[in-house]
Amino acid sequence: MQYRKLGRTGWKVSSISFGAWAIGGTWGTVDDRDSMSALHAALDHGVNFFDTADVYGDGHSEQLLAKLRKQHSGTFYIATKLGRRSNPHVAGSYNRENITAYIERSLRNLETDSLDLVQLHCPPTEVYYMPEVFGILDDLTQAGKIKHYGVSVEKVEEALKAIEYPNVKTVQIIFNIFRQRPAELFFKEAIRRKIGILARLPLSSGMLSGKLTSATRFESDDHRAFNRNGESFDKGETFSGLDYETGLKAVESLREIIPNGMTMPEFALRWILMFPAVTCAIPGAKRPEQVMENVHAADLPEIKKTVMKKVEAIYNEQVKPHVQHYW
């Protein structure tokens, strides 16, 4: 495993970390025994950073991580997110009363006195223009409820606005072979301001696993079945906003350029780590064998520039027109 500095937090975190959305819910059937085995496998293979949210399984994902902390004596970091519990989810819901209540709930779920890292959970764009929201997070930091805070964003523009606030230390953003726009401007600004970057949906909801086909069917509680057009949350969260069949065709093009000795998911994760601005990728996993494949990507050799150029060409020709100007 490789480790990289997470912005100005003072932490060094595993370049392949663990996204805990899937073990909470909306990714089909999940078994807590498998989930705990996957979490332990991650720790055993050098992962020291876990990303969750208070809405993943209505707090269940946080509770599983609290259980992990009880069972493991080593040091690891847990990042959680807040804000999506609000109904309706509007800018005005990001007020002191709600934010404080969400923090207190996560503290209980994670069974701790202070949260390692808290991120605003893809709030409406307007929130990034409300300094008082970040002032509330400053106050909660001063009170010792949280150690550090950052944001999870849908759009590059939101990321650029968020890092203008001096105490924002991390940005979680969708970045993968099918969503390359963050690398154009945002990464340069993030490096300049020493911002940690968490690359989420690194495998594009499983599309970049190379295992999906036109015949694949998803369970009714899997967002890949019910959110393809943004019915429940932002469309970009499901298959990176890409039409399913378009994604499958692009995957076939990628399959032709994967270096010998790499699987499709390993290649997709290693591609992300070719960007020094990225602190870590946070692929999800519901079973230990998925963890094993994910973490192996951290120790693979660099991808040659010629292959990186071919990836860029596939993106420009087959993907960019469908996603570039939306997020």
C-alpha atoms as a PDB file:
ATOM      1  CA  MET A   1       0.000   0.000   0.000  1.00  0.00           C
ATOM      2  CA  GLN A   2       1.100   3.562  -0.718  1.00  0.00           C
ATOM      3  CA  TYR A   3       0.255   6.544   1.492  1.00  0.00           C
ATOM      4  CA  ARG A   4      -0.294  10.178   0.590  1.00  0.00           C
ATOM      5  CA  LYS A   5      -0.755  13.378   2.603  1.00  0.00           C
ATOM      6  CA  LEU A   6      -4.394  14.339   3.072  1.00  0.00           C
ATOM      7  CA  GLY A   7      -4.178  18.066   2.523  1.00  0.00           C
ATOM      8  CA  ARG A   8      -3.418  20.019   5.678  1.00  0.00           C
ATOM      9  CA  THR A   9      -4.847  17.449   8.099  1.00  0.00           C
ATOM     10  CA  GLY A  10      -1.419  16.098   9.003  1.00  0.00           C
ATOM     11  CA  TRP A  11      -2.577  12.588   8.097  1.00  0.00           C
ATOM     12  CA  LYS A  12      -1.088  10.164   5.625  1.00  0.00           C
ATOM     13  CA  VAL A  13      -3.819   7.963   4.211  1.00  0.00           C
ATOM     14  CA  SER A  14      -3.835   4.876   2.025  1.00  0.00           C
ATOM     15  CA  SER A  15      -3.987   5.738  -1.666  1.00  0.00           C
ATOM     16  CA  ILE A  16      -6.676   3.084  -2.033  1.00  0.00           C
ATOM     17  CA  SER A  17      -9.129   3.576   0.806  1.00  0.00           C
ATOM     18  CA  PHE A  18     -12.635   2.267   1.519  1.00  0.00           C
ATOM     19  CA  GLY A  19     -15.954   3.789   0.484  1.00  0.00           C
ATOM     20  CA  ALA A  20     -18.670   2.553   2.837  1.00  0.00           C
ATOM     21  CA  TRP A  21     -21.788   3.467   0.848  1.00  0.00           C
ATOM     22  CA  ALA A  22     -22.374  -0.084  -0.379  1.00  0.00           C
ATOM     23  CA  ILE A  23     -22.273  -1.658   3.095  1.00  0.00           C
ATOM     24  CA  GLY A  24     -24.978   0.750   4.205  1.00  0.00           C
ATOM     25  CA  GLY A  25     -27.465   0.202   1.407  1.00  0.00           C
ATOM     26  CA  THR A  26     -28.850   1.092  -2.069  1.00  0.00           C
ATOM     27  CA  TRP A  27     -26.374  -1.283  -3.742  1.00  0.00           C
ATOM     28  CA  GLY A  28     -28.465  -4.434  -3.572  1.00  0.00           C
ATOM     29  CA  THR A  29     -28.250  -7.246  -1.039  1.00  0.00           C
ATOM     30  CA  VAL A  30     -25.649  -6.795   1.661  1.00  0.00           C
ATOM     31  CA  ASP A  31     -24.780  -9.008   4.631  1.00  0.00           C
ATOM     32  CA  ASP A  32     -23.253  -7.502   7.782  1.00  0.00           C
ATOM     33  CA  ARG A  33     -20.953 -10.498   8.245  1.00  0.00           C
ATOM     34  CA  ASP A  34     -19.552  -9.999   4.767  1.00  0.00           C
ATOM     35  CA  SER A  35     -19.304  -6.259   5.386  1.00  0.00           C
ATOM     36  CA  MET A  36     -17.311  -6.709   8.578  1.00  0.00           C
ATOM     37  CA  SER A  37     -15.044  -9.224   6.862  1.00  0.00           C
ATOM     38  CA  ALA A  38     -14.472  -6.722   4.071  1.00  0.00           C
ATOM     39  CA  LEU A  39     -13.651  -3.954   6.562  1.00  0.00           C
ATOM     40  CA  HIS A  40     -11.169  -6.162   8.404  1.00  0.00           C
ATOM     41  CA  ALA A  41      -9.606  -7.255   5.104  1.00  0.00           C
ATOM     42  CA  ALA A  42      -9.097  -3.604   4.229  1.00  0.00           C
ATOM     43  CA  LEU A  43      -7.269  -2.941   7.496  1.00  0.00           C
ATOM     44  CA  ASP A  44      -5.201  -6.098   7.082  1.00  0.00           C
ATOM     45  CA  HIS A  45      -3.995  -4.849   3.698  1.00  0.00           C
ATOM     46  CA  GLY A  46      -2.995  -1.359   4.754  1.00  0.00           C
ATOM     47  CA  VAL A  47      -6.181   0.679   4.317  1.00  0.00           C
ATOM     48  CA  ASN A  48      -6.387   3.337   7.028  1.00  0.00           C
ATOM     49  CA  PHE A  49      -9.133   5.637   5.735  1.00  0.00           C
ATOM     50  CA  PHE A  50     -12.862   4.898   5.523  1.00  0.00           C
ATOM     51  CA  ASP A  51     -15.498   7.184   4.037  1.00  0.00           C
ATOM     52  CA  THR A  52     -19.133   6.950   5.124  1.00  0.00           C
ATOM     53  CA  ALA A  53     -22.201   9.162   5.593  1.00  0.00           C
ATOM     54  CA  ASP A  54     -25.064   9.489   8.035  1.00  0.00           C
ATOM     55  CA  VAL A  55     -27.563   8.478   5.339  1.00  0.00           C
ATOM     56  CA  TYR A  56     -25.826   5.268   4.263  1.00  0.00           C
ATOM     57  CA  GLY A  57     -28.312   2.744   5.586  1.00  0.00           C
ATOM     58  CA  ASP A  58     -29.746   5.500   7.823  1.00  0.00           C
ATOM     59  CA  GLY A  59     -26.576   5.414   9.913  1.00  0.00           C
ATOM     60  CA  HIS A  60     -25.921   1.673   9.661  1.00  0.00           C
ATOM     61  CA  SER A  61     -22.662   2.173   7.781  1.00  0.00           C
ATOM     62  CA  GLU A  62     -21.400   4.460  10.560  1.00  0.00           C
ATOM     63  CA  GLN A  63     -22.403   1.873  13.155  1.00  0.00           C
ATOM     64  CA  LEU A  64     -20.459  -0.876  11.377  1.00  0.00           C
ATOM     65  CA  LEU A  65     -17.377   1.337  11.418  1.00  0.00           C
ATOM     66  CA  ALA A  66     -17.858   1.953  15.144  1.00  0.00           C
ATOM     67  CA  LYS A  67     -17.874  -1.826  15.571  1.00  0.00           C
ATOM     68  CA  LEU A  68     -14.678  -2.068  13.549  1.00  0.00           C
ATOM     69  CA  ARG A  69     -12.992   0.480  15.776  1.00  0.00           C
ATOM     70  CA  LYS A  70     -13.892  -1.587  18.838  1.00  0.00           C
ATOM     71  CA  GLN A  71     -12.438  -4.717  17.263  1.00  0.00           C
ATOM     72  CA  HIS A  72      -9.214  -3.147  16.013  1.00  0.00           C
ATOM     73  CA  SER A  73      -6.609  -1.440  18.174  1.00  0.00           C
ATOM     74  CA  GLY A  74      -4.700   0.270  15.364  1.00  0.00           C
ATOM     75  CA  THR A  75      -5.127   3.821  14.164  1.00  0.00           C
ATOM     76  CA  PHE A  76      -7.376   4.557  11.221  1.00  0.00           C
ATOM     77  CA  TYR A  77      -9.495   7.503  10.132  1.00  0.00           C
ATOM     78  CA  ILE A  78     -13.228   7.724   9.507  1.00  0.00           C
ATOM     79  CA  ALA A  79     -14.729  10.459   7.385  1.00  0.00           C
ATOM     80  CA  THR A  80     -18.475  10.959   7.447  1.00  0.00           C
ATOM     81  CA  LYS A  81     -20.876  13.320   5.704  1.00  0.00           C
ATOM     82  CA  LEU A  82     -23.917  15.341   6.708  1.00  0.00           C
ATOM     83  CA  GLY A  83     -26.817  17.267   5.224  1.00  0.00           C
ATOM     84  CA  ARG A  84     -28.716  14.747   3.116  1.00  0.00           C
ATOM     85  CA  ARG A  85     -31.004  13.848   6.008  1.00  0.00           C
ATOM     86  CA  SER A  86     -32.838  17.134   5.451  1.00  0.00           C
ATOM     87  CA  ASN A  87     -36.248  16.795   3.813  1.00  0.00           C
ATOM     88  CA  PRO A  88     -36.619  18.801   1.733  1.00  0.00           C
ATOM     89  CA  HIS A  89     -32.918  18.961   0.954  1.00  0.00           C
ATOM     90  CA  VAL A  90     -32.607  22.703   0.393  1.00  0.00           C
ATOM     91  CA  ALA A  91     -29.959  25.318   1.156  1.00  0.00           C
ATOM     92  CA  GLY A  92     -31.933  26.665   4.113  1.00  0.00           C
ATOM     93  CA  SER A  93     -31.702  23.291   5.855  1.00  0.00           C
ATOM     94  CA  TYR A  94     -27.967  23.863   6.357  1.00  0.00           C
ATOM     95  CA  ASN A  95     -28.524  25.835   9.539  1.00  0.00           C
ATOM     96  CA  ARG A  96     -26.925  25.647  12.981  1.00  0.00           C
ATOM     97  CA  GLU A  97     -29.695  23.572  14.532  1.00  0.00           C
ATOM     98  CA  ASN A  98     -29.682  20.901  11.834  1.00  0.00           C
ATOM     99  CA  ILE A  99     -25.916  20.722  11.372  1.00  0.00           C
ATOM    100  CA  THR A 100     -25.372  20.406  15.123  1.00  0.00           C
ATOM    101  CA  ALA A 101     -28.034  17.696  15.372  1.00  0.00           C
ATOM    102  CA  TYR A 102     -26.476  15.732  12.511  1.00  0.00           C
ATOM    103  CA  ILE A 103     -23.039  15.975  14.117  1.00  0.00           C
ATOM    104  CA  GLU A 104     -24.403  14.716  17.436  1.00  0.00           C
ATOM    105  CA  ARG A 105     -26.133  11.799  15.691  1.00  0.00           C
ATOM    106  CA  SER A 106     -22.932  10.781  13.886  1.00  0.00           C
ATOM    107  CA  LEU A 107     -21.011  11.021  17.154  1.00  0.00           C
ATOM    108  CA  ARG A 108     -23.472   8.544  18.648  1.00  0.00           C
ATOM    109  CA  ASN A 109     -23.393   6.229  15.629  1.00  0.00           C
ATOM    110  CA  LEU A 110     -19.597   6.209  15.569  1.00  0.00           C
ATOM    111  CA  GLU A 111     -19.381   6.052  19.364  1.00  0.00           C
ATOM    112  CA  THR A 112     -16.792   8.784  19.648  1.00  0.00           C
ATOM    113  CA  ASP A 113     -16.363  12.220  21.205  1.00  0.00           C
ATOM    114  CA  SER A 114     -14.900  13.860  18.103  1.00  0.00           C
ATOM    115  CA  LEU A 115     -15.358  13.117  14.396  1.00  0.00           C
ATOM    116  CA  ASP A 116     -12.141  12.766  12.387  1.00  0.00           C
ATOM    117  CA  LEU A 117     -13.451  14.441   9.233  1.00  0.00           C
ATOM    118  CA  VAL A 118     -16.903  15.797   8.399  1.00  0.00           C
ATOM    119  CA  GLN A 119     -17.963  16.680   4.857  1.00  0.00           C
ATOM    120  CA  LEU A 120     -20.984  18.583   3.627  1.00  0.00           C
ATOM    121  CA  HIS A 121     -22.828  15.948   1.602  1.00  0.00           C
ATOM    122  CA  CYS A 122     -23.390  17.338  -1.892  1.00  0.00           C
ATOM    123  CA  PRO A 123     -25.467  20.314  -0.761  1.00  0.00           C
ATOM    124  CA  PRO A 124     -27.298  22.602  -3.194  1.00  0.00           C
ATOM    125  CA  THR A 125     -24.887  24.893  -5.023  1.00  0.00           C
ATOM    126  CA  GLU A 126     -26.245  27.888  -3.096  1.00  0.00           C
ATOM    127  CA  VAL A 127     -24.719  26.532   0.136  1.00  0.00           C
ATOM    128  CA  TYR A 128     -21.207  27.187  -1.164  1.00  0.00           C
ATOM    129  CA  TYR A 129     -22.114  30.871  -1.230  1.00  0.00           C
ATOM    130  CA  MET A 130     -23.262  30.887   2.406  1.00  0.00           C
ATOM    131  CA  PRO A 131     -20.225  31.701   4.590  1.00  0.00           C
ATOM    132  CA  GLU A 132     -22.320  31.213   7.705  1.00  0.00           C
ATOM    133  CA  VAL A 133     -22.477  27.456   7.029  1.00  0.00           C
ATOM    134  CA  PHE A 134     -18.699  27.207   7.132  1.00  0.00           C
ATOM    135  CA  GLY A 135     -18.726  29.401  10.231  1.00  0.00           C
ATOM    136  CA  ILE A 136     -20.889  26.807  11.960  1.00  0.00           C
ATOM    137  CA  LEU A 137     -18.352  24.128  11.090  1.00  0.00           C
ATOM    138  CA  ASP A 138     -15.596  26.368  12.457  1.00  0.00           C
ATOM    139  CA  ASP A 139     -17.508  26.660  15.727  1.00  0.00           C
ATOM    140  CA  LEU A 140     -17.986  22.896  15.953  1.00  0.00           C
ATOM    141  CA  THR A 141     -14.272  22.430  15.340  1.00  0.00           C
ATOM    142  CA  GLN A 142     -13.473  24.885  18.113  1.00  0.00           C
ATOM    143  CA  ALA A 143     -15.850  22.979  20.387  1.00  0.00           C
ATOM    144  CA  GLY A 144     -13.951  19.754  19.689  1.00  0.00           C
ATOM    145  CA  LYS A 145     -16.892  17.988  18.040  1.00  0.00           C
ATOM    146  CA  ILE A 146     -14.959  17.607  14.776  1.00  0.00           C
ATOM    147  CA  LYS A 147     -11.247  17.606  13.998  1.00  0.00           C
ATOM    148  CA  HIS A 148     -11.379  18.635  10.337  1.00  0.00           C
ATOM    149  CA  TYR A 149     -14.006  19.399   7.719  1.00  0.00           C
ATOM    150  CA  GLY A 150     -14.397  19.392   3.977  1.00  0.00           C
ATOM    151  CA  VAL A 151     -17.006  19.021   1.262  1.00  0.00           C
ATOM    152  CA  SER A 152     -18.373  16.393  -1.085  1.00  0.00           C
ATOM    153  CA  VAL A 153     -19.406  18.026  -4.345  1.00  0.00           C
ATOM    154  CA  GLU A 154     -21.244  17.231  -7.564  1.00  0.00           C
ATOM    155  CA  LYS A 155     -19.646  19.923  -9.742  1.00  0.00           C
ATOM    156  CA  VAL A 156     -16.156  21.259 -10.358  1.00  0.00           C
ATOM    157  CA  GLU A 157     -17.469  24.780  -9.876  1.00  0.00           C
ATOM    158  CA  GLU A 158     -18.655  23.881  -6.367  1.00  0.00           C
ATOM    159  CA  ALA A 159     -15.226  22.480  -5.520  1.00  0.00           C
ATOM    160  CA  LEU A 160     -13.501  25.652  -6.682  1.00  0.00           C
ATOM    161  CA  LYS A 161     -15.832  27.800  -4.579  1.00  0.00           C
ATOM    162  CA  ALA A 162     -15.533  25.578  -1.493  1.00  0.00           C
ATOM    163  CA  ILE A 163     -11.748  25.774  -1.303  1.00  0.00           C
ATOM    164  CA  GLU A 164     -11.950  29.543  -0.987  1.00  0.00           C
ATOM    165  CA  TYR A 165     -12.984  28.952   2.637  1.00  0.00           C
ATOM    166  CA  PRO A 166      -9.724  28.749   4.624  1.00  0.00           C
ATOM    167  CA  ASN A 167     -10.636  25.775   6.823  1.00  0.00           C
ATOM    168  CA  VAL A 168     -11.934  23.483   4.093  1.00  0.00           C
ATOM    169  CA  LYS A 169      -9.235  20.812   4.008  1.00  0.00           C
ATOM    170  CA  THR A 170     -10.676  18.137   1.726  1.00  0.00           C
ATOM    171  CA  VAL A 171     -12.843  17.832  -1.353  1.00  0.00           C
ATOM    172  CA  GLN A 172     -14.555  14.617  -2.335  1.00  0.00           C
ATOM    173  CA  ILE A 173     -15.403  14.592  -6.038  1.00  0.00           C
ATOM    174  CA  ILE A 174     -16.335  12.079  -8.715  1.00  0.00           C
ATOM    175  CA  PHE A 175     -13.142  11.397 -10.646  1.00  0.00           C
ATOM    176  CA  ASN A 176     -12.609   8.402 -12.858  1.00  0.00           C
ATOM    177  CA  ILE A 177     -11.870   7.505 -16.473  1.00  0.00           C
ATOM    178  CA  PHE A 178     -15.409   8.617 -17.371  1.00  0.00           C
ATOM    179  CA  ARG A 179     -15.273  11.888 -15.399  1.00  0.00           C
ATOM    180  CA  GLN A 180     -11.984  13.624 -16.177  1.00  0.00           C
ATOM    181  CA  ARG A 181     -12.918  17.296 -15.937  1.00  0.00           C
ATOM    182  CA  PRO A 182     -11.604  17.803 -12.349  1.00  0.00           C
ATOM    183  CA  ALA A 183      -8.044  17.318 -13.636  1.00  0.00           C
ATOM    184  CA  GLU A 184      -8.241  20.342 -15.929  1.00  0.00           C
ATOM    185  CA  LEU A 185      -8.355  23.258 -13.457  1.00  0.00           C
ATOM    186  CA  PHE A 186      -9.483  22.088 -10.050  1.00  0.00           C
ATOM    187  CA  PHE A 187      -6.494  19.834  -9.379  1.00  0.00           C
ATOM    188  CA  LYS A 188      -4.069  22.722  -9.936  1.00  0.00           C
ATOM    189  CA  GLU A 189      -5.964  24.915  -7.479  1.00  0.00           C
ATOM    190  CA  ALA A 190      -6.205  22.088  -4.957  1.00  0.00           C
ATOM    191  CA  ILE A 191      -2.443  21.549  -5.064  1.00  0.00           C
ATOM    192  CA  ARG A 192      -1.866  25.285  -4.644  1.00  0.00           C
ATOM    193  CA  ARG A 193      -4.109  25.417  -1.588  1.00  0.00           C
ATOM    194  CA  LYS A 194      -2.952  22.053  -0.178  1.00  0.00           C
ATOM    195  CA  ILE A 195      -6.381  20.439  -0.374  1.00  0.00           C
ATOM    196  CA  GLY A 196      -6.825  16.693   0.040  1.00  0.00           C
ATOM    197  CA  ILE A 197      -8.803  15.089  -2.790  1.00  0.00           C
ATOM    198  CA  LEU A 198     -10.941  11.991  -2.310  1.00  0.00           C
ATOM    199  CA  ALA A 199     -11.848  10.429  -5.661  1.00  0.00           C
ATOM    200  CA  ARG A 200     -15.255   8.871  -5.274  1.00  0.00           C
ATOM    201  CA  LEU A 201     -17.071   6.436  -7.586  1.00  0.00           C
ATOM    202  CA  PRO A 202     -13.659   5.468  -8.986  1.00  0.00           C
ATOM    203  CA  LEU A 203     -15.169   2.475 -10.782  1.00  0.00           C
ATOM    204  CA  SER A 204     -18.165   4.429 -12.085  1.00  0.00           C
ATOM    205  CA  SER A 205     -20.786   2.458 -10.124  1.00  0.00           C
ATOM    206  CA  GLY A 206     -19.187  -0.798 -11.255  1.00  0.00           C
ATOM    207  CA  MET A 207     -19.156   0.075 -14.943  1.00  0.00           C
ATOM    208  CA  LEU A 208     -15.349   0.167 -14.873  1.00  0.00           C
ATOM    209  CA  SER A 209     -15.218  -3.244 -13.235  1.00  0.00           C
ATOM    210  CA  GLY A 210     -15.664  -4.634 -16.727  1.00  0.00           C
ATOM    211  CA  LYS A 211     -18.158  -7.160 -15.352  1.00  0.00           C
ATOM    212  CA  LEU A 212     -21.415  -5.502 -16.400  1.00  0.00           C
ATOM    213  CA  THR A 213     -23.225  -6.374 -19.630  1.00  0.00           C
ATOM    214  CA  SER A 214     -26.441  -5.495 -21.417  1.00  0.00           C
ATOM    215  CA  ALA A 215     -27.985  -8.505 -19.712  1.00  0.00           C
ATOM    216  CA  THR A 216     -27.017  -7.438 -16.162  1.00  0.00           C
ATOM    217  CA  ARG A 217     -30.027  -6.859 -13.913  1.00  0.00           C
ATOM    218  CA  PHE A 218     -29.918  -4.854 -10.698  1.00  0.00           C
ATOM    219  CA  GLU A 219     -32.027  -5.350  -7.589  1.00  0.00           C
ATOM    220  CA  SER A 220     -34.866  -2.899  -7.027  1.00  0.00           C
ATOM    221  CA  ASP A 221     -33.114  -1.249  -4.063  1.00  0.00           C
ATOM    222  CA  ASP A 222     -29.914  -0.700  -6.076  1.00  0.00           C
ATOM    223  CA  HIS A 223     -29.508   2.897  -7.281  1.00  0.00           C
ATOM    224  CA  ARG A 224     -28.183   1.529 -10.557  1.00  0.00           C
ATOM    225  CA  ALA A 225     -31.751   0.370 -11.216  1.00  0.00           C
ATOM    226  CA  PHE A 226     -33.716   3.346  -9.901  1.00  0.00           C
ATOM    227  CA  ASN A 227     -31.526   6.432 -10.398  1.00  0.00           C
ATOM    228  CA  ARG A 228     -30.254   6.242 -13.970  1.00  0.00           C
ATOM    229  CA  ASN A 229     -32.008   9.469 -14.880  1.00  0.00           C
ATOM    230  CA  GLY A 230     -31.565  11.194 -11.528  1.00  0.00           C
ATOM    231  CA  GLU A 231     -34.933  10.135 -10.110  1.00  0.00           C
ATOM    232  CA  SER A 232     -33.702  10.038  -6.482  1.00  0.00           C
ATOM    233  CA  PHE A 233     -30.461  12.074  -6.449  1.00  0.00           C
ATOM    234  CA  ASP A 234     -28.030  13.576  -8.908  1.00  0.00           C
ATOM    235  CA  LYS A 235     -27.825  11.579 -12.134  1.00  0.00           C
ATOM    236  CA  GLY A 236     -24.046  11.904 -12.098  1.00  0.00           C
ATOM    237  CA  GLU A 237     -23.849   9.604  -9.060  1.00  0.00           C
ATOM    238  CA  THR A 238     -24.976   6.610 -11.149  1.00  0.00           C
ATOM    239  CA  PHE A 239     -22.579   5.382 -13.855  1.00  0.00           C
ATOM    240  CA  SER A 240     -20.987   8.868 -13.735  1.00  0.00           C
ATOM    241  CA  GLY A 241     -24.073  10.233 -15.489  1.00  0.00           C
ATOM    242  CA  LEU A 242     -23.327   8.177 -18.588  1.00  0.00           C
ATOM    243  CA  ASP A 243     -26.009   6.274 -20.485  1.00  0.00           C
ATOM    244  CA  TYR A 244     -25.645   2.567 -19.661  1.00  0.00           C
ATOM    245  CA  GLU A 245     -25.106   1.288 -23.197  1.00  0.00           C
ATOM    246  CA  THR A 246     -22.707   4.146 -23.992  1.00  0.00           C
ATOM    247  CA  GLY A 247     -20.692   3.191 -20.929  1.00  0.00           C
ATOM    248  CA  LEU A 248     -20.536  -0.454 -21.950  1.00  0.00           C
ATOM    249  CA  LYS A 249     -19.197   0.476 -25.392  1.00  0.00           C
ATOM    250  CA  ALA A 250     -16.509   2.697 -23.872  1.00  0.00           C
ATOM    251  CA  VAL A 251     -15.496  -0.134 -21.539  1.00  0.00           C
ATOM    252  CA  GLU A 252     -14.949  -2.404 -24.533  1.00  0.00           C
ATOM    253  CA  SER A 253     -12.642   0.204 -26.059  1.00  0.00           C
ATOM    254  CA  LEU A 254     -10.702   0.429 -22.788  1.00  0.00           C
ATOM    255  CA  ARG A 255     -10.421  -3.337 -22.595  1.00  0.00           C
ATOM    256  CA  GLU A 256      -8.233  -3.275 -25.708  1.00  0.00           C
ATOM    257  CA  ILE A 257      -5.565  -1.052 -24.121  1.00  0.00           C
ATOM    258  CA  ILE A 258      -5.261  -2.520 -20.605  1.00  0.00           C
ATOM    259  CA  PRO A 259      -1.633  -3.518 -19.912  1.00  0.00           C
ATOM    260  CA  ASN A 260      -0.872  -7.187 -19.426  1.00  0.00           C
ATOM    261  CA  GLY A 261      -1.242  -8.277 -15.833  1.00  0.00           C
ATOM    262  CA  MET A 262      -3.942  -5.743 -14.923  1.00  0.00           C
ATOM    263  CA  THR A 263      -7.650  -6.345 -14.551  1.00  0.00           C
ATOM    264  CA  MET A 264     -10.116  -3.687 -15.640  1.00  0.00           C
ATOM    265  CA  PRO A 265     -10.829  -2.405 -12.073  1.00  0.00           C
ATOM    266  CA  GLU A 266      -7.111  -2.423 -11.230  1.00  0.00           C
ATOM    267  CA  PHE A 267      -6.432  -0.401 -14.353  1.00  0.00           C
ATOM    268  CA  ALA A 268      -9.212   2.083 -13.546  1.00  0.00           C
ATOM    269  CA  LEU A 269      -7.916   2.594 -10.002  1.00  0.00           C
ATOM    270  CA  ARG A 270      -4.263   2.814 -11.044  1.00  0.00           C
ATOM    271  CA  TRP A 271      -5.248   5.420 -13.647  1.00  0.00           C
ATOM    272  CA  ILE A 272      -6.632   7.626 -10.877  1.00  0.00           C
ATOM    273  CA  LEU A 273      -3.441   7.298  -8.847  1.00  0.00           C
ATOM    274  CA  MET A 274      -1.429   8.603 -11.802  1.00  0.00           C
ATOM    275  CA  PHE A 275      -2.643  12.084 -10.770  1.00  0.00           C
ATOM    276  CA  PRO A 276      -0.498  13.423  -7.883  1.00  0.00           C
ATOM    277  CA  ALA A 277      -3.272  15.816  -6.812  1.00  0.00           C
ATOM    278  CA  VAL A 278      -5.431  12.866  -5.767  1.00  0.00           C
ATOM    279  CA  THR A 279      -4.908  11.742  -2.186  1.00  0.00           C
ATOM    280  CA  CYS A 280      -6.888   8.541  -2.451  1.00  0.00           C
ATOM    281  CA  ALA A 281      -9.532   6.678  -4.377  1.00  0.00           C
ATOM    282  CA  ILE A 282     -12.391   5.306  -2.293  1.00  0.00           C
ATOM    283  CA  PRO A 283     -13.877   2.275  -4.064  1.00  0.00           C
ATOM    284  CA  GLY A 284     -16.650   0.448  -2.275  1.00  0.00           C
ATOM    285  CA  ALA A 285     -16.625  -3.225  -1.375  1.00  0.00           C
ATOM    286  CA  LYS A 286     -19.163  -5.596   0.137  1.00  0.00           C
ATOM    287  CA  ARG A 287     -16.909  -8.668   0.319  1.00  0.00           C
ATOM    288  CA  PRO A 288     -13.232  -9.326   1.167  1.00  0.00           C
ATOM    289  CA  GLU A 289     -12.356 -10.479  -2.346  1.00  0.00           C
ATOM    290  CA  GLN A 290     -13.451  -7.101  -3.720  1.00  0.00           C
ATOM    291  CA  VAL A 291     -11.206  -5.372  -1.201  1.00  0.00           C
ATOM    292  CA  MET A 292      -8.253  -7.527  -2.255  1.00  0.00           C
ATOM    293  CA  GLU A 293      -8.610  -6.561  -5.896  1.00  0.00           C
ATOM    294  CA  ASN A 294      -9.019  -2.881  -5.053  1.00  0.00           C
ATOM    295  CA  VAL A 295      -5.985  -2.577  -2.797  1.00  0.00           C
ATOM    296  CA  HIS A 296      -3.744  -4.431  -5.230  1.00  0.00           C
ATOM    297  CA  ALA A 297      -4.015  -1.473  -7.596  1.00  0.00           C
ATOM    298  CA  ALA A 298      -1.904   0.652  -5.236  1.00  0.00           C
ATOM    299  CA  ASP A 299       1.150  -1.517  -5.825  1.00  0.00           C
ATOM    300  CA  LEU A 300       0.926  -1.812  -9.599  1.00  0.00           C
ATOM    301  CA  PRO A 301       3.506  -0.096 -11.835  1.00  0.00           C
ATOM    302  CA  GLU A 302       2.781   3.279 -13.388  1.00  0.00           C
ATOM    303  CA  ILE A 303       0.708   3.338 -16.544  1.00  0.00           C
ATOM    304  CA  LYS A 304       2.759   4.349 -19.570  1.00  0.00           C
ATOM    305  CA  LYS A 305       2.170   7.792 -21.084  1.00  0.00           C
ATOM    306  CA  THR A 306       1.176   6.218 -24.397  1.00  0.00           C
ATOM    307  CA  VAL A 307      -1.603   4.287 -22.662  1.00  0.00           C
ATOM    308  CA  MET A 308      -2.706   7.378 -20.718  1.00  0.00           C
ATOM    309  CA  LYS A 309      -3.035   9.171 -24.053  1.00  0.00           C
ATOM    310  CA  LYS A 310      -5.201   6.364 -25.399  1.00  0.00           C
ATOM    311  CA  VAL A 311      -7.477   6.635 -22.352  1.00  0.00           C
ATOM    312  CA  GLU A 312      -7.771  10.369 -22.975  1.00  0.00           C
ATOM    313  CA  ALA A 313      -8.697   9.732 -26.607  1.00  0.00           C
ATOM    314  CA  ILE A 314     -11.431   7.254 -25.666  1.00  0.00           C
ATOM    315  CA  TYR A 315     -12.813   9.764 -23.171  1.00  0.00           C
ATOM    316  CA  ASN A 316     -12.752  12.627 -25.674  1.00  0.00           C
ATOM    317  CA  GLU A 317     -14.427  10.621 -28.416  1.00  0.00           C
ATOM    318  CA  GLN A 318     -16.973   8.512 -26.556  1.00  0.00           C
ATOM    319  CA  VAL A 319     -17.643  10.046 -23.152  1.00  0.00           C
ATOM    320  CA  LYS A 320     -16.806  13.753 -22.955  1.00  0.00           C
ATOM    321  CA  PRO A 321     -19.803  15.051 -24.963  1.00  0.00           C
ATOM    322  CA  HIS A 322     -22.163  13.321 -22.519  1.00  0.00           C
ATOM    323  CA  VAL A 323     -20.678  14.460 -19.177  1.00  0.00           C
ATOM    324  CA  GLN A 324     -18.119  17.251 -19.482  1.00  0.00           C
ATOM    325  CA  HIS A 325     -20.436  20.255 -19.371  1.00  0.00           C
ATOM    326  CA  TYR A 326     -22.832  18.947 -16.714  1.00  0.00           C
ATOM    327  CA  TRP A 327     -20.448  18.411 -13.819  1.00  0.00           C
END
